[in-house]
N, C-alpha and C. Protein backbone atom coordinates (compact mmCIF):
# COMPACT_ATOMS: atom_id res chain seq x y z
N MET A 1 0.85 -1.17 0.00
CA MET A 1 0.00 0.00 0.00
C MET A 1 0.89 1.24 0.00
N ASN A 2 0.61 2.13 -0.90
CA ASN A 2 1.40 3.35 -1.02
C ASN A 2 0.78 4.46 -0.18
N GLU A 3 1.48 4.84 0.88
CA GLU A 3 0.98 5.87 1.79
C GLU A 3 0.80 7.23 1.11
N ASN A 4 1.47 7.45 -0.01
CA ASN A 4 1.37 8.72 -0.72
C ASN A 4 0.21 8.76 -1.71
N ASP A 5 -0.41 7.63 -1.93
CA ASP A 5 -1.55 7.54 -2.84
C ASP A 5 -2.72 8.34 -2.24
N LEU A 6 -3.27 9.25 -3.02
CA LEU A 6 -4.35 10.11 -2.53
C LEU A 6 -5.57 9.30 -2.11
N ARG A 7 -5.81 8.18 -2.78
CA ARG A 7 -6.95 7.33 -2.41
C ARG A 7 -6.75 6.74 -1.02
N VAL A 8 -5.53 6.33 -0.71
CA VAL A 8 -5.21 5.78 0.61
C VAL A 8 -5.38 6.86 1.67
N GLN A 9 -4.88 8.03 1.40
CA GLN A 9 -4.99 9.14 2.35
C GLN A 9 -6.46 9.50 2.60
N LYS A 10 -7.25 9.54 1.54
CA LYS A 10 -8.67 9.88 1.68
C LYS A 10 -9.40 8.81 2.50
N THR A 11 -9.12 7.55 2.20
CA THR A 11 -9.76 6.46 2.93
C THR A 11 -9.42 6.52 4.41
N LYS A 12 -8.14 6.72 4.73
CA LYS A 12 -7.73 6.82 6.13
C LYS A 12 -8.43 7.98 6.83
N LYS A 13 -8.52 9.10 6.14
CA LYS A 13 -9.17 10.28 6.70
C LYS A 13 -10.64 9.99 7.01
N VAL A 14 -11.32 9.37 6.07
CA VAL A 14 -12.74 9.04 6.25
C VAL A 14 -12.92 8.07 7.41
N LEU A 15 -12.07 7.06 7.50
CA LEU A 15 -12.19 6.08 8.58
C LEU A 15 -11.94 6.70 9.94
N VAL A 16 -10.95 7.56 10.04
CA VAL A 16 -10.66 8.23 11.32
C VAL A 16 -11.80 9.17 11.70
N GLU A 17 -12.29 9.94 10.73
CA GLU A 17 -13.40 10.85 11.02
C GLU A 17 -14.65 10.09 11.44
N THR A 18 -14.90 8.97 10.80
CA THR A 18 -16.05 8.14 11.16
C THR A 18 -15.89 7.58 12.56
N PHE A 19 -14.70 7.10 12.88
CA PHE A 19 -14.42 6.60 14.22
C PHE A 19 -14.69 7.67 15.27
N LEU A 20 -14.20 8.87 15.04
CA LEU A 20 -14.39 9.96 15.99
C LEU A 20 -15.86 10.34 16.11
N GLU A 21 -16.57 10.29 15.01
CA GLU A 21 -18.00 10.60 15.03
C GLU A 21 -18.77 9.58 15.86
N ILE A 22 -18.43 8.31 15.69
CA ILE A 22 -19.09 7.25 16.46
C ILE A 22 -18.77 7.43 17.95
N LEU A 23 -17.54 7.82 18.27
CA LEU A 23 -17.16 8.01 19.67
C LEU A 23 -17.96 9.11 20.35
N GLU A 24 -18.50 10.04 19.59
CA GLU A 24 -19.33 11.09 20.17
C GLU A 24 -20.63 10.53 20.74
N HIS A 25 -21.04 9.35 20.24
CA HIS A 25 -22.33 8.78 20.62
C HIS A 25 -22.22 7.44 21.34
N GLU A 26 -21.08 6.80 21.25
CA GLU A 26 -20.89 5.47 21.83
C GLU A 26 -19.64 5.44 22.70
N GLU A 27 -19.61 4.49 23.63
CA GLU A 27 -18.39 4.27 24.41
C GLU A 27 -17.36 3.56 23.54
N MET A 28 -16.11 3.74 23.88
CA MET A 28 -15.01 3.16 23.10
C MET A 28 -15.19 1.65 22.93
N LYS A 29 -15.59 0.96 23.98
CA LYS A 29 -15.72 -0.49 23.90
C LYS A 29 -16.86 -0.93 22.97
N ALA A 30 -17.76 -0.03 22.62
CA ALA A 30 -18.87 -0.36 21.72
C ALA A 30 -18.51 -0.15 20.25
N VAL A 31 -17.40 0.50 19.98
CA VAL A 31 -17.00 0.78 18.60
C VAL A 31 -16.36 -0.47 18.00
N THR A 32 -16.85 -0.85 16.84
CA THR A 32 -16.30 -2.03 16.16
C THR A 32 -15.87 -1.65 14.74
N VAL A 33 -15.03 -2.49 14.16
CA VAL A 33 -14.64 -2.29 12.77
C VAL A 33 -15.89 -2.31 11.90
N ASN A 34 -16.79 -3.21 12.20
CA ASN A 34 -18.02 -3.31 11.42
C ASN A 34 -18.84 -2.02 11.49
N SER A 35 -18.95 -1.42 12.67
CA SER A 35 -19.73 -0.18 12.79
C SER A 35 -19.07 0.97 12.02
N ILE A 36 -17.75 1.01 12.04
CA ILE A 36 -17.03 2.05 11.28
C ILE A 36 -17.25 1.82 9.79
N CYS A 37 -17.16 0.58 9.35
CA CYS A 37 -17.34 0.27 7.93
C CYS A 37 -18.74 0.61 7.45
N LYS A 38 -19.73 0.25 8.23
CA LYS A 38 -21.11 0.54 7.82
C LYS A 38 -21.34 2.03 7.69
N LYS A 39 -20.89 2.79 8.68
CA LYS A 39 -21.14 4.23 8.68
C LYS A 39 -20.33 4.94 7.61
N SER A 40 -19.13 4.45 7.31
CA SER A 40 -18.27 5.12 6.34
C SER A 40 -18.45 4.60 4.91
N ALA A 41 -19.21 3.52 4.76
CA ALA A 41 -19.43 2.88 3.46
C ALA A 41 -18.13 2.35 2.85
N HIS A 42 -17.24 1.85 3.70
CA HIS A 42 -16.00 1.21 3.26
C HIS A 42 -16.02 -0.23 3.77
N SER A 43 -15.33 -1.11 3.07
CA SER A 43 -15.29 -2.50 3.51
C SER A 43 -14.17 -2.71 4.53
N SER A 44 -14.27 -3.82 5.23
CA SER A 44 -13.31 -4.09 6.30
C SER A 44 -11.91 -4.42 5.78
N HIS A 45 -11.74 -4.66 4.49
CA HIS A 45 -10.39 -4.97 3.98
C HIS A 45 -9.45 -3.78 4.15
N HIS A 46 -9.98 -2.59 4.39
CA HIS A 46 -9.13 -1.41 4.61
C HIS A 46 -8.41 -1.48 5.96
N PHE A 47 -8.82 -2.39 6.83
CA PHE A 47 -8.21 -2.52 8.14
C PHE A 47 -7.08 -3.54 8.18
N LEU A 48 -6.82 -4.20 7.09
CA LEU A 48 -5.76 -5.21 7.05
C LEU A 48 -4.39 -4.59 7.03
């Protein structure tokens, strides 16, 4: 994975923003990869 690829940077940004958004409403222990993926419309393969 090329860290300089704009697609990679955008995906990371969206996933982090989604994670932080979920944290505003849920406790940390309730946040799952699946919940981040559903809300961000990205698949879980981005977490590999």
